Amino acid sequence: MSDPKQKLTPSEISDAGLTGWHQVEETLTARFATKRFTTGLDFVNRIGASAEEADHHPDLTLTYPEVAVTLSSHDVGGITSRDIDLARIISEHAAKLGVTATPDHD
């Protein structure tokens, strides 16, 4: 997974071991139960700062009581190591806030 411009295979994505993240077509998705809007807003702000630092930006939806995150490398039309790396950072932010990923509802 070293080339950040190389699309990953479903096996490589699965082998990354991302808890709470699901592949949906050419994206990685996760929903996080924040329980409080203010916690969700804090979570989104942390994600935003990390996305800016990585120059890789997810799609975010903040609602009461959850945050939905979708990652994809639009420049290559799929999931790359950049998405895996950012998913891990997002999961770390969630853990620090006591926020848990919810089961996929698709």
PDB file of N, CA and C in Angstrom:
ATOM      1  N   MET A   1       0.829  -1.205   0.000  1.00  0.00           N
ATOM      2  CA  MET A   1       0.000   0.000   0.000  1.00  0.00           C
ATOM      3  C   MET A   1       0.864   1.255   0.000  1.00  0.00           C
ATOM      4  N   SER A   2       1.979   1.238  -0.653  1.00  0.00           N
ATOM      5  CA  SER A   2       2.882   2.381  -0.572  1.00  0.00           C
ATOM      6  C   SER A   2       2.573   3.475  -1.581  1.00  0.00           C
ATOM      7  N   ASP A   3       2.032   3.150  -2.761  1.00  0.00           N
ATOM      8  CA  ASP A   3       1.758   4.159  -3.778  1.00  0.00           C
ATOM      9  C   ASP A   3       0.407   4.818  -3.506  1.00  0.00           C
ATOM     10  N   PRO A   4       0.401   6.093  -3.088  1.00  0.00           N
ATOM     11  CA  PRO A   4      -0.856   6.755  -2.733  1.00  0.00           C
ATOM     12  C   PRO A   4      -1.770   7.038  -3.928  1.00  0.00           C
ATOM     13  N   LYS A   5      -1.297   6.798  -5.139  1.00  0.00           N
ATOM     14  CA  LYS A   5      -2.123   7.016  -6.334  1.00  0.00           C
ATOM     15  C   LYS A   5      -2.608   5.698  -6.938  1.00  0.00           C
ATOM     16  N   GLN A   6      -2.348   4.583  -6.247  1.00  0.00           N
ATOM     17  CA  GLN A   6      -2.736   3.269  -6.741  1.00  0.00           C
ATOM     18  C   GLN A   6      -4.025   2.808  -6.063  1.00  0.00           C
ATOM     19  N   LYS A   7      -5.044   2.461  -6.863  1.00  0.00           N
ATOM     20  CA  LYS A   7      -6.270   1.914  -6.291  1.00  0.00           C
ATOM     21  C   LYS A   7      -5.974   0.599  -5.599  1.00  0.00           C
ATOM     22  N   LEU A   8      -6.605   0.407  -4.463  1.00  0.00           N
ATOM     23  CA  LEU A   8      -6.437  -0.832  -3.705  1.00  0.00           C
ATOM     24  C   LEU A   8      -7.475  -1.865  -4.128  1.00  0.00           C
ATOM     25  N   THR A   9      -7.107  -3.112  -3.993  1.00  0.00           N
ATOM     26  CA  THR A   9      -8.037  -4.203  -4.271  1.00  0.00           C
ATOM     27  C   THR A   9      -8.933  -4.412  -3.040  1.00  0.00           C
ATOM     28  N   PRO A  10     -10.069  -5.061  -3.225  1.00  0.00           N
ATOM     29  CA  PRO A  10     -10.914  -5.363  -2.063  1.00  0.00           C
ATOM     30  C   PRO A  10     -10.154  -6.141  -0.988  1.00  0.00           C
ATOM     31  N   SER A  11      -9.266  -7.029  -1.382  1.00  0.00           N
ATOM     32  CA  SER A  11      -8.475  -7.798  -0.419  1.00  0.00           C
ATOM     33  C   SER A  11      -7.536  -6.888   0.369  1.00  0.00           C
ATOM     34  N   GLU A  12      -6.881  -5.956  -0.309  1.00  0.00           N
ATOM     35  CA  GLU A  12      -5.989  -5.021   0.380  1.00  0.00           C
ATOM     36  C   GLU A  12      -6.767  -4.145   1.359  1.00  0.00           C
ATOM     37  N   ILE A  13      -7.963  -3.756   0.973  1.00  0.00           N
ATOM     38  CA  ILE A  13      -8.804  -2.932   1.847  1.00  0.00           C
ATOM     39  C   ILE A  13      -9.212  -3.737   3.076  1.00  0.00           C
ATOM     40  N   SER A  14      -9.628  -4.975   2.865  1.00  0.00           N
ATOM     41  CA  SER A  14     -10.013  -5.839   3.977  1.00  0.00           C
ATOM     42  C   SER A  14      -8.831  -6.116   4.902  1.00  0.00           C
ATOM     43  N   ASP A  15      -7.666  -6.321   4.323  1.00  0.00           N
ATOM     44  CA  ASP A  15      -6.462  -6.613   5.105  1.00  0.00           C
ATOM     45  C   ASP A  15      -6.021  -5.424   5.967  1.00  0.00           C
ATOM     46  N   ALA A  16      -6.506  -4.228   5.649  1.00  0.00           N
ATOM     47  CA  ALA A  16      -6.147  -3.044   6.434  1.00  0.00           C
ATOM     48  C   ALA A  16      -6.729  -3.114   7.847  1.00  0.00           C
ATOM     49  N   GLY A  17      -7.776  -3.929   8.041  1.00  0.00           N
ATOM     50  CA  GLY A  17      -8.327  -4.144   9.381  1.00  0.00           C
ATOM     51  C   GLY A  17      -8.987  -2.930   9.998  1.00  0.00           C
ATOM     52  N   LEU A  18      -9.699  -2.166   9.203  1.00  0.00           N
ATOM     53  CA  LEU A  18     -10.365  -0.969   9.715  1.00  0.00           C
ATOM     54  C   LEU A  18     -11.670  -1.350  10.404  1.00  0.00           C
ATOM     55  N   THR A  19     -11.746  -1.158  11.699  1.00  0.00           N
ATOM     56  CA  THR A  19     -12.944  -1.482  12.461  1.00  0.00           C
ATOM     57  C   THR A  19     -13.997  -0.399  12.258  1.00  0.00           C
ATOM     58  N   GLY A  20     -15.206  -0.833  11.882  1.00  0.00           N
ATOM     59  CA  GLY A  20     -16.316   0.095  11.716  1.00  0.00           C
ATOM     60  C   GLY A  20     -16.414   0.728  10.340  1.00  0.00           C
ATOM     61  N   TRP A  21     -15.466   0.457   9.476  1.00  0.00           N
ATOM     62  CA  TRP A  21     -15.467   1.000   8.114  1.00  0.00           C
ATOM     63  C   TRP A  21     -15.930  -0.079   7.144  1.00  0.00           C
ATOM     64  N   HIS A  22     -16.675   0.349   6.104  1.00  0.00           N
ATOM     65  CA  HIS A  22     -17.234  -0.579   5.129  1.00  0.00           C
ATOM     66  C   HIS A  22     -16.935  -0.072   3.727  1.00  0.00           C
ATOM     67  N   GLN A  23     -16.587  -0.982   2.841  1.00  0.00           N
ATOM     68  CA  GLN A  23     -16.425  -0.607   1.446  1.00  0.00           C
ATOM     69  C   GLN A  23     -17.791  -0.616   0.788  1.00  0.00           C
ATOM     70  N   VAL A  24     -18.140   0.503   0.164  1.00  0.00           N
ATOM     71  CA  VAL A  24     -19.363   0.618  -0.606  1.00  0.00           C
ATOM     72  C   VAL A  24     -18.944   1.111  -1.982  1.00  0.00           C
ATOM     73  N   GLU A  25     -18.945   0.180  -2.933  1.00  0.00           N
ATOM     74  CA  GLU A  25     -18.444   0.450  -4.274  1.00  0.00           C
ATOM     75  C   GLU A  25     -17.025   0.988  -4.195  1.00  0.00           C
ATOM     76  N   GLU A  26     -16.792   2.203  -4.643  1.00  0.00           N
ATOM     77  CA  GLU A  26     -15.435   2.762  -4.680  1.00  0.00           C
ATOM     78  C   GLU A  26     -15.165   3.718  -3.513  1.00  0.00           C
ATOM     79  N   THR A  27     -15.864   3.496  -2.385  1.00  0.00           N
ATOM     80  CA  THR A  27     -15.690   4.359  -1.214  1.00  0.00           C
ATOM     81  C   THR A  27     -15.544   3.537   0.060  1.00  0.00           C
ATOM     82  N   LEU A  28     -14.990   4.172   1.077  1.00  0.00           N
ATOM     83  CA  LEU A  28     -15.005   3.648   2.442  1.00  0.00           C
ATOM     84  C   LEU A  28     -15.992   4.506   3.216  1.00  0.00           C
ATOM     85  N   THR A  29     -16.869   3.885   3.965  1.00  0.00           N
ATOM     86  CA  THR A  29     -17.848   4.643   4.733  1.00  0.00           C
ATOM     87  C   THR A  29     -17.873   4.173   6.179  1.00  0.00           C
ATOM     88  N   ALA A  30     -18.238   5.092   7.041  1.00  0.00           N
ATOM     89  CA  ALA A  30     -18.441   4.765   8.453  1.00  0.00           C
ATOM     90  C   ALA A  30     -19.405   5.789   9.036  1.00  0.00           C
ATOM     91  N   ARG A  31     -20.132   5.334  10.041  1.00  0.00           N
ATOM     92  CA  ARG A  31     -21.005   6.229  10.809  1.00  0.00           C
ATOM     93  C   ARG A  31     -20.592   6.124  12.262  1.00  0.00           C
ATOM     94  N   PHE A  32     -20.573   7.259  12.918  1.00  0.00           N
ATOM     95  CA  PHE A  32     -20.130   7.317  14.307  1.00  0.00           C
ATOM     96  C   PHE A  32     -21.235   7.913  15.166  1.00  0.00           C
ATOM     97  N   ALA A  33     -21.622   7.190  16.207  1.00  0.00           N
ATOM     98  CA  ALA A  33     -22.672   7.643  17.123  1.00  0.00           C
ATOM     99  C   ALA A  33     -22.067   8.628  18.116  1.00  0.00           C
ATOM    100  N   THR A  34     -22.358   9.896  17.920  1.00  0.00           N
ATOM    101  CA  THR A  34     -21.788  10.934  18.779  1.00  0.00           C
ATOM    102  C   THR A  34     -22.663  11.231  19.987  1.00  0.00           C
ATOM    103  N   LYS A  35     -23.933  10.883  19.917  1.00  0.00           N
ATOM    104  CA  LYS A  35     -24.926  11.052  20.982  1.00  0.00           C
ATOM    105  C   LYS A  35     -25.273  12.504  21.280  1.00  0.00           C
ATOM    106  N   ARG A  36     -24.330  13.398  21.096  1.00  0.00           N
ATOM    107  CA  ARG A  36     -24.587  14.829  21.335  1.00  0.00           C
ATOM    108  C   ARG A  36     -24.113  15.610  20.113  1.00  0.00           C
ATOM    109  N   PHE A  37     -24.858  16.616  19.757  1.00  0.00           N
ATOM    110  CA  PHE A  37     -24.484  17.434  18.603  1.00  0.00           C
ATOM    111  C   PHE A  37     -23.139  18.107  18.818  1.00  0.00           C
ATOM    112  N   THR A  38     -22.879  18.578  20.031  1.00  0.00           N
ATOM    113  CA  THR A  38     -21.613  19.260  20.291  1.00  0.00           C
ATOM    114  C   THR A  38     -20.426  18.308  20.141  1.00  0.00           C
ATOM    115  N   THR A  39     -20.606  17.056  20.530  1.00  0.00           N
ATOM    116  CA  THR A  39     -19.548  16.060  20.338  1.00  0.00           C
ATOM    117  C   THR A  39     -19.328  15.822  18.844  1.00  0.00           C
ATOM    118  N   GLY A  40     -20.410  15.739  18.096  1.00  0.00           N
ATOM    119  CA  GLY A  40     -20.314  15.569  16.646  1.00  0.00           C
ATOM    120  C   GLY A  40     -19.581  16.723  15.993  1.00  0.00           C
ATOM    121  N   LEU A  41     -19.866  17.922  16.436  1.00  0.00           N
ATOM    122  CA  LEU A  41     -19.207  19.103  15.885  1.00  0.00           C
ATOM    123  C   LEU A  41     -17.719  19.101  16.213  1.00  0.00           C
ATOM    124  N   ASP A  42     -17.366  18.732  17.424  1.00  0.00           N
ATOM    125  CA  ASP A  42     -15.959  18.616  17.800  1.00  0.00           C
ATOM    126  C   ASP A  42     -15.268  17.563  16.927  1.00  0.00           C
ATOM    127  N   PHE A  43     -15.928  16.431  16.736  1.00  0.00           N
ATOM    128  CA  PHE A  43     -15.402  15.345  15.913  1.00  0.00           C
ATOM    129  C   PHE A  43     -15.165  15.826  14.480  1.00  0.00           C
ATOM    130  N   VAL A  44     -16.146  16.496  13.903  1.00  0.00           N
ATOM    131  CA  VAL A  44     -16.023  17.016  12.538  1.00  0.00           C
ATOM    132  C   VAL A  44     -14.869  18.017  12.441  1.00  0.00           C
ATOM    133  N   ASN A  45     -14.718  18.858  13.428  1.00  0.00           N
ATOM    134  CA  ASN A  45     -13.607  19.823  13.417  1.00  0.00           C
ATOM    135  C   ASN A  45     -12.251  19.120  13.452  1.00  0.00           C
ATOM    136  N   ARG A  46     -12.149  18.066  14.248  1.00  0.00           N
ATOM    137  CA  ARG A  46     -10.896  17.297  14.308  1.00  0.00           C
ATOM    138  C   ARG A  46     -10.627  16.608  12.969  1.00  0.00           C
ATOM    139  N   ILE A  47     -11.673  16.035  12.377  1.00  0.00           N
ATOM    140  CA  ILE A  47     -11.523  15.410  11.058  1.00  0.00           C
ATOM    141  C   ILE A  47     -11.073  16.454  10.041  1.00  0.00           C
ATOM    142  N   GLY A  48     -11.696  17.622  10.091  1.00  0.00           N
ATOM    143  CA  GLY A  48     -11.346  18.688   9.150  1.00  0.00           C
ATOM    144  C   GLY A  48      -9.891  19.108   9.257  1.00  0.00           C
ATOM    145  N   ALA A  49      -9.391  19.233  10.468  1.00  0.00           N
ATOM    146  CA  ALA A  49      -7.992  19.627  10.660  1.00  0.00           C
ATOM    147  C   ALA A  49      -7.054  18.542  10.114  1.00  0.00           C
ATOM    148  N   SER A  50      -7.382  17.296  10.375  1.00  0.00           N
ATOM    149  CA  SER A  50      -6.550  16.202   9.861  1.00  0.00           C
ATOM    150  C   SER A  50      -6.627  16.099   8.344  1.00  0.00           C
ATOM    151  N   ALA A  51      -7.793  16.332   7.788  1.00  0.00           N
ATOM    152  CA  ALA A  51      -7.957  16.297   6.326  1.00  0.00           C
ATOM    153  C   ALA A  51      -7.142  17.401   5.667  1.00  0.00           C
ATOM    154  N   GLU A  52      -7.155  18.572   6.257  1.00  0.00           N
ATOM    155  CA  GLU A  52      -6.355  19.670   5.713  1.00  0.00           C
ATOM    156  C   GLU A  52      -4.874  19.337   5.775  1.00  0.00           C
ATOM    157  N   GLU A  53      -4.439  18.779   6.892  1.00  0.00           N
ATOM    158  CA  GLU A  53      -3.035  18.409   7.052  1.00  0.00           C
ATOM    159  C   GLU A  53      -2.620  17.359   6.016  1.00  0.00           C
ATOM    160  N   ALA A  54      -3.515  16.411   5.730  1.00  0.00           N
ATOM    161  CA  ALA A  54      -3.222  15.345   4.769  1.00  0.00           C
ATOM    162  C   ALA A  54      -3.496  15.774   3.328  1.00  0.00           C
ATOM    163  N   ASP A  55      -4.147  16.920   3.146  1.00  0.00           N
ATOM    164  CA  ASP A  55      -4.597  17.374   1.824  1.00  0.00           C
ATOM    165  C   ASP A  55      -5.421  16.284   1.140  1.00  0.00           C
ATOM    166  N   HIS A  56      -6.311  15.692   1.931  1.00  0.00           N
ATOM    167  CA  HIS A  56      -7.198  14.623   1.448  1.00  0.00           C
ATOM    168  C   HIS A  56      -8.508  14.773   2.207  1.00  0.00           C
ATOM    169  N   HIS A  57      -9.589  15.049   1.497  1.00  0.00           N
ATOM    170  CA  HIS A  57     -10.807  15.525   2.148  1.00  0.00           C
ATOM    171  C   HIS A  57     -11.978  14.556   1.994  1.00  0.00           C
ATOM    172  N   PRO A  58     -12.542  14.128   3.122  1.00  0.00           N
ATOM    173  CA  PRO A  58     -13.699  13.235   3.100  1.00  0.00           C
ATOM    174  C   PRO A  58     -14.993  14.019   2.901  1.00  0.00           C
ATOM    175  N   ASP A  59     -16.045  13.281   2.580  1.00  0.00           N
ATOM    176  CA  ASP A  59     -17.396  13.834   2.618  1.00  0.00           C
ATOM    177  C   ASP A  59     -17.920  13.563   4.016  1.00  0.00           C
ATOM    178  N   LEU A  60     -18.450  14.585   4.660  1.00  0.00           N
ATOM    179  CA  LEU A  60     -18.948  14.483   6.030  1.00  0.00           C
ATOM    180  C   LEU A  60     -20.398  14.920   6.108  1.00  0.00           C
ATOM    181  N   THR A  61     -21.164  14.216   6.928  1.00  0.00           N
ATOM    182  CA  THR A  61     -22.528  14.625   7.231  1.00  0.00           C
ATOM    183  C   THR A  61     -22.687  14.624   8.744  1.00  0.00           C
ATOM    184  N   LEU A  62     -22.954  15.787   9.291  1.00  0.00           N
ATOM    185  CA  LEU A  62     -23.168  15.944  10.730  1.00  0.00           C
ATOM    186  C   LEU A  62     -24.653  16.081  10.982  1.00  0.00           C
ATOM    187  N   THR A  63     -25.188  15.153  11.760  1.00  0.00           N
ATOM    188  CA  THR A  63     -26.590  15.228  12.176  1.00  0.00           C
ATOM    189  C   THR A  63     -26.641  14.907  13.663  1.00  0.00           C
ATOM    190  N   TYR A  64     -27.788  15.133  14.254  1.00  0.00           N
ATOM    191  CA  TYR A  64     -27.989  14.648  15.600  1.00  0.00           C
ATOM    192  C   TYR A  64     -28.586  13.266  15.451  1.00  0.00           C
ATOM    193  N   PRO A  65     -27.972  12.239  15.919  1.00  0.00           N
ATOM    194  CA  PRO A  65     -26.841  12.115  16.821  1.00  0.00           C
ATOM    195  C   PRO A  65     -25.641  11.378  16.214  1.00  0.00           C
ATOM    196  N   GLU A  66     -25.310  11.622  14.936  1.00  0.00           N
ATOM    197  CA  GLU A  66     -24.189  10.901  14.357  1.00  0.00           C
ATOM    198  C   GLU A  66     -23.448  11.727  13.309  1.00  0.00           C
ATOM    199  N   VAL A  67     -22.263  11.215  12.965  1.00  0.00           N
ATOM    200  CA  VAL A  67     -21.467  11.777  11.886  1.00  0.00           C
ATOM    201  C   VAL A  67     -21.216  10.649  10.890  1.00  0.00           C
ATOM    202  N   ALA A  68     -21.545  10.894   9.627  1.00  0.00           N
ATOM    203  CA  ALA A  68     -21.272   9.931   8.563  1.00  0.00           C
ATOM    204  C   ALA A  68     -20.055  10.426   7.779  1.00  0.00           C
ATOM    205  N   VAL A  69     -19.160   9.491   7.473  1.00  0.00           N
ATOM    206  CA  VAL A  69     -17.919   9.829   6.774  1.00  0.00           C
ATOM    207  C   VAL A  69     -17.795   8.937   5.542  1.00  0.00           C
ATOM    208  N   THR A  70     -17.458   9.546   4.419  1.00  0.00           N
ATOM    209  CA  THR A  70     -17.195   8.809   3.187  1.00  0.00           C
ATOM    210  C   THR A  70     -15.846   9.231   2.659  1.00  0.00           C
ATOM    211  N   LEU A  71     -14.997   8.252   2.387  1.00  0.00           N
ATOM    212  CA  LEU A  71     -13.659   8.494   1.858  1.00  0.00           C
ATOM    213  C   LEU A  71     -13.516   7.859   0.481  1.00  0.00           C
ATOM    214  N   SER A  72     -12.873   8.586  -0.415  1.00  0.00           N
ATOM    215  CA  SER A  72     -12.544   8.077  -1.730  1.00  0.00           C
ATOM    216  C   SER A  72     -11.493   8.987  -2.342  1.00  0.00           C
ATOM    217  N   SER A  73     -10.615   8.400  -3.127  1.00  0.00           N
ATOM    218  CA  SER A  73      -9.622   9.197  -3.854  1.00  0.00           C
ATOM    219  C   SER A  73     -10.193   9.486  -5.231  1.00  0.00           C
ATOM    220  N   HIS A  74     -10.828  10.641  -5.359  1.00  0.00           N
ATOM    221  CA  HIS A  74     -11.538  10.996  -6.585  1.00  0.00           C
ATOM    222  C   HIS A  74     -10.609  11.053  -7.789  1.00  0.00           C
ATOM    223  N   ASP A  75      -9.342  11.391  -7.553  1.00  0.00           N
ATOM    224  CA  ASP A  75      -8.409  11.518  -8.670  1.00  0.00           C
ATOM    225  C   ASP A  75      -8.091  10.183  -9.331  1.00  0.00           C
ATOM    226  N   VAL A  76      -8.292   9.068  -8.626  1.00  0.00           N
ATOM    227  CA  VAL A  76      -8.058   7.751  -9.212  1.00  0.00           C
ATOM    228  C   VAL A  76      -9.340   6.916  -9.291  1.00  0.00           C
ATOM    229  N   GLY A  77     -10.443   7.457  -8.812  1.00  0.00           N
ATOM    230  CA  GLY A  77     -11.728   6.779  -8.902  1.00  0.00           C
ATOM    231  C   GLY A  77     -11.853   5.551  -8.025  1.00  0.00           C
ATOM    232  N   GLY A  78     -11.281   5.624  -6.820  1.00  0.00           N
ATOM    233  CA  GLY A  78     -11.395   4.490  -5.916  1.00  0.00           C
ATOM    234  C   GLY A  78     -10.705   4.730  -4.595  1.00  0.00           C
ATOM    235  N   ILE A  79     -10.461   3.661  -3.890  1.00  0.00           N
ATOM    236  CA  ILE A  79      -9.860   3.710  -2.558  1.00  0.00           C
ATOM    237  C   ILE A  79      -8.355   3.491  -2.683  1.00  0.00           C
ATOM    238  N   THR A  80      -7.599   4.376  -2.029  1.00  0.00           N
ATOM    239  CA  THR A  80      -6.139   4.279  -2.035  1.00  0.00           C
ATOM    240  C   THR A  80      -5.631   4.245  -0.593  1.00  0.00           C
ATOM    241  N   SER A  81      -4.324   4.139  -0.470  1.00  0.00           N
ATOM    242  CA  SER A  81      -3.720   4.160   0.866  1.00  0.00           C
ATOM    243  C   SER A  81      -4.005   5.470   1.589  1.00  0.00           C
ATOM    244  N   ARG A  82      -4.242   6.553   0.841  1.00  0.00           N
ATOM    245  CA  ARG A  82      -4.596   7.825   1.479  1.00  0.00           C
ATOM    246  C   ARG A  82      -5.897   7.703   2.263  1.00  0.00           C
ATOM    247  N   ASP A  83      -6.839   6.952   1.703  1.00  0.00           N
ATOM    248  CA  ASP A  83      -8.123   6.752   2.386  1.00  0.00           C
ATOM    249  C   ASP A  83      -7.961   5.880   3.629  1.00  0.00           C
ATOM    250  N   ILE A  84      -7.157   4.839   3.519  1.00  0.00           N
ATOM    251  CA  ILE A  84      -6.894   3.966   4.668  1.00  0.00           C
ATOM    252  C   ILE A  84      -6.233   4.771   5.786  1.00  0.00           C
ATOM    253  N   ASP A  85      -5.233   5.564   5.424  1.00  0.00           N
ATOM    254  CA  ASP A  85      -4.521   6.370   6.426  1.00  0.00           C
ATOM    255  C   ASP A  85      -5.456   7.344   7.117  1.00  0.00           C
ATOM    256  N   LEU A  86      -6.304   8.038   6.340  1.00  0.00           N
ATOM    257  CA  LEU A  86      -7.218   9.012   6.941  1.00  0.00           C
ATOM    258  C   LEU A  86      -8.296   8.307   7.766  1.00  0.00           C
ATOM    259  N   ALA A  87      -8.752   7.146   7.325  1.00  0.00           N
ATOM    260  CA  ALA A  87      -9.738   6.387   8.107  1.00  0.00           C
ATOM    261  C   ALA A  87      -9.165   6.036   9.480  1.00  0.00           C
ATOM    262  N   ARG A  88      -7.908   5.650   9.512  1.00  0.00           N
ATOM    263  CA  ARG A  88      -7.270   5.325  10.798  1.00  0.00           C
ATOM    264  C   ARG A  88      -7.207   6.554  11.705  1.00  0.00           C
ATOM    265  N   ILE A  89      -6.849   7.690  11.140  1.00  0.00           N
ATOM    266  CA  ILE A  89      -6.786   8.934  11.921  1.00  0.00           C
ATOM    267  C   ILE A  89      -8.174   9.298  12.444  1.00  0.00           C
ATOM    268  N   ILE A  90      -9.185   9.175  11.600  1.00  0.00           N
ATOM    269  CA  ILE A  90     -10.563   9.482  12.012  1.00  0.00           C
ATOM    270  C   ILE A  90     -10.992   8.555  13.144  1.00  0.00           C
ATOM    271  N   SER A  91     -10.661   7.287  13.040  1.00  0.00           N
ATOM    272  CA  SER A  91     -10.998   6.336  14.104  1.00  0.00           C
ATOM    273  C   SER A  91     -10.277   6.682  15.406  1.00  0.00           C
ATOM    274  N   GLU A  92      -9.046   7.178  15.311  1.00  0.00           N
ATOM    275  CA  GLU A  92      -8.316   7.626  16.508  1.00  0.00           C
ATOM    276  C   GLU A  92      -9.017   8.820  17.153  1.00  0.00           C
ATOM    277  N   HIS A  93      -9.465   9.767  16.339  1.00  0.00           N
ATOM    278  CA  HIS A  93     -10.216  10.914  16.878  1.00  0.00           C
ATOM    279  C   HIS A  93     -11.479  10.417  17.588  1.00  0.00           C
ATOM    280  N   ALA A  94     -12.176   9.482  16.962  1.00  0.00           N
ATOM    281  CA  ALA A  94     -13.404   8.947  17.559  1.00  0.00           C
ATOM    282  C   ALA A  94     -13.112   8.314  18.920  1.00  0.00           C
ATOM    283  N   ALA A  95     -12.058   7.520  18.980  1.00  0.00           N
ATOM    284  CA  ALA A  95     -11.706   6.851  20.243  1.00  0.00           C
ATOM    285  C   ALA A  95     -11.398   7.871  21.337  1.00  0.00           C
ATOM    286  N   LYS A  96     -10.681   8.926  20.987  1.00  0.00           N
ATOM    287  CA  LYS A  96     -10.343   9.948  21.982  1.00  0.00           C
ATOM    288  C   LYS A  96     -11.580  10.668  22.502  1.00  0.00           C
ATOM    289  N   LEU A  97     -12.616  10.753  21.670  1.00  0.00           N
ATOM    290  CA  LEU A  97     -13.857  11.425  22.074  1.00  0.00           C
ATOM    291  C   LEU A  97     -14.874  10.447  22.676  1.00  0.00           C
ATOM    292  N   GLY A  98     -14.545   9.167  22.713  1.00  0.00           N
ATOM    293  CA  GLY A  98     -15.496   8.176  23.217  1.00  0.00           C
ATOM    294  C   GLY A  98     -16.636   7.919  22.259  1.00  0.00           C
ATOM    295  N   VAL A  99     -16.393   8.160  20.984  1.00  0.00           N
ATOM    296  CA  VAL A  99     -17.396   7.985  19.929  1.00  0.00           C
ATOM    297  C   VAL A  99     -17.188   6.609  19.301  1.00  0.00           C
ATOM    298  N   THR A 100     -18.284   5.890  19.061  1.00  0.00           N
ATOM    299  CA  THR A 100     -18.162   4.562  18.484  1.00  0.00           C
ATOM    300  C   THR A 100     -18.755   4.495  17.091  1.00  0.00           C
ATOM    301  N   ALA A 101     -18.149   3.639  16.259  1.00  0.00           N
ATOM    302  CA  ALA A 101     -18.696   3.386  14.933  1.00  0.00           C
ATOM    303  C   ALA A 101     -19.958   2.560  15.087  1.00  0.00           C
ATOM    304  N   THR A 102     -20.939   2.845  14.269  1.00  0.00           N
ATOM    305  CA  THR A 102     -22.205   2.109  14.307  1.00  0.00           C
ATOM    306  C   THR A 102     -22.230   1.101  13.177  1.00  0.00           C
ATOM    307  N   PRO A 103     -23.025   0.045  13.317  1.00  0.00           N
ATOM    308  CA  PRO A 103     -23.134  -0.936  12.226  1.00  0.00           C
ATOM    309  C   PRO A 103     -23.631  -0.268  10.952  1.00  0.00           C
ATOM    310  N   ASP A 104     -23.195  -0.811   9.825  1.00  0.00           N
ATOM    311  CA  ASP A 104     -23.616  -0.287   8.525  1.00  0.00           C
ATOM    312  C   ASP A 104     -25.112  -0.527   8.336  1.00  0.00           C
ATOM    313  N   HIS A 105     -25.813   0.487   7.810  1.00  0.00           N
ATOM    314  CA  HIS A 105     -27.259   0.382   7.604  1.00  0.00           C
ATOM    315  C   HIS A 105     -27.622   0.403   6.141  1.00  0.00           C
ATOM    316  N   ASP A 106     -26.660   0.187   5.247  1.00  0.00           N
ATOM    317  CA  ASP A 106     -26.965   0.230   3.812  1.00  0.00           C
ATOM    318  C   ASP A 106     -27.697  -0.989   3.355  1.00  0.00           C
TER     319      ASP A 106
END
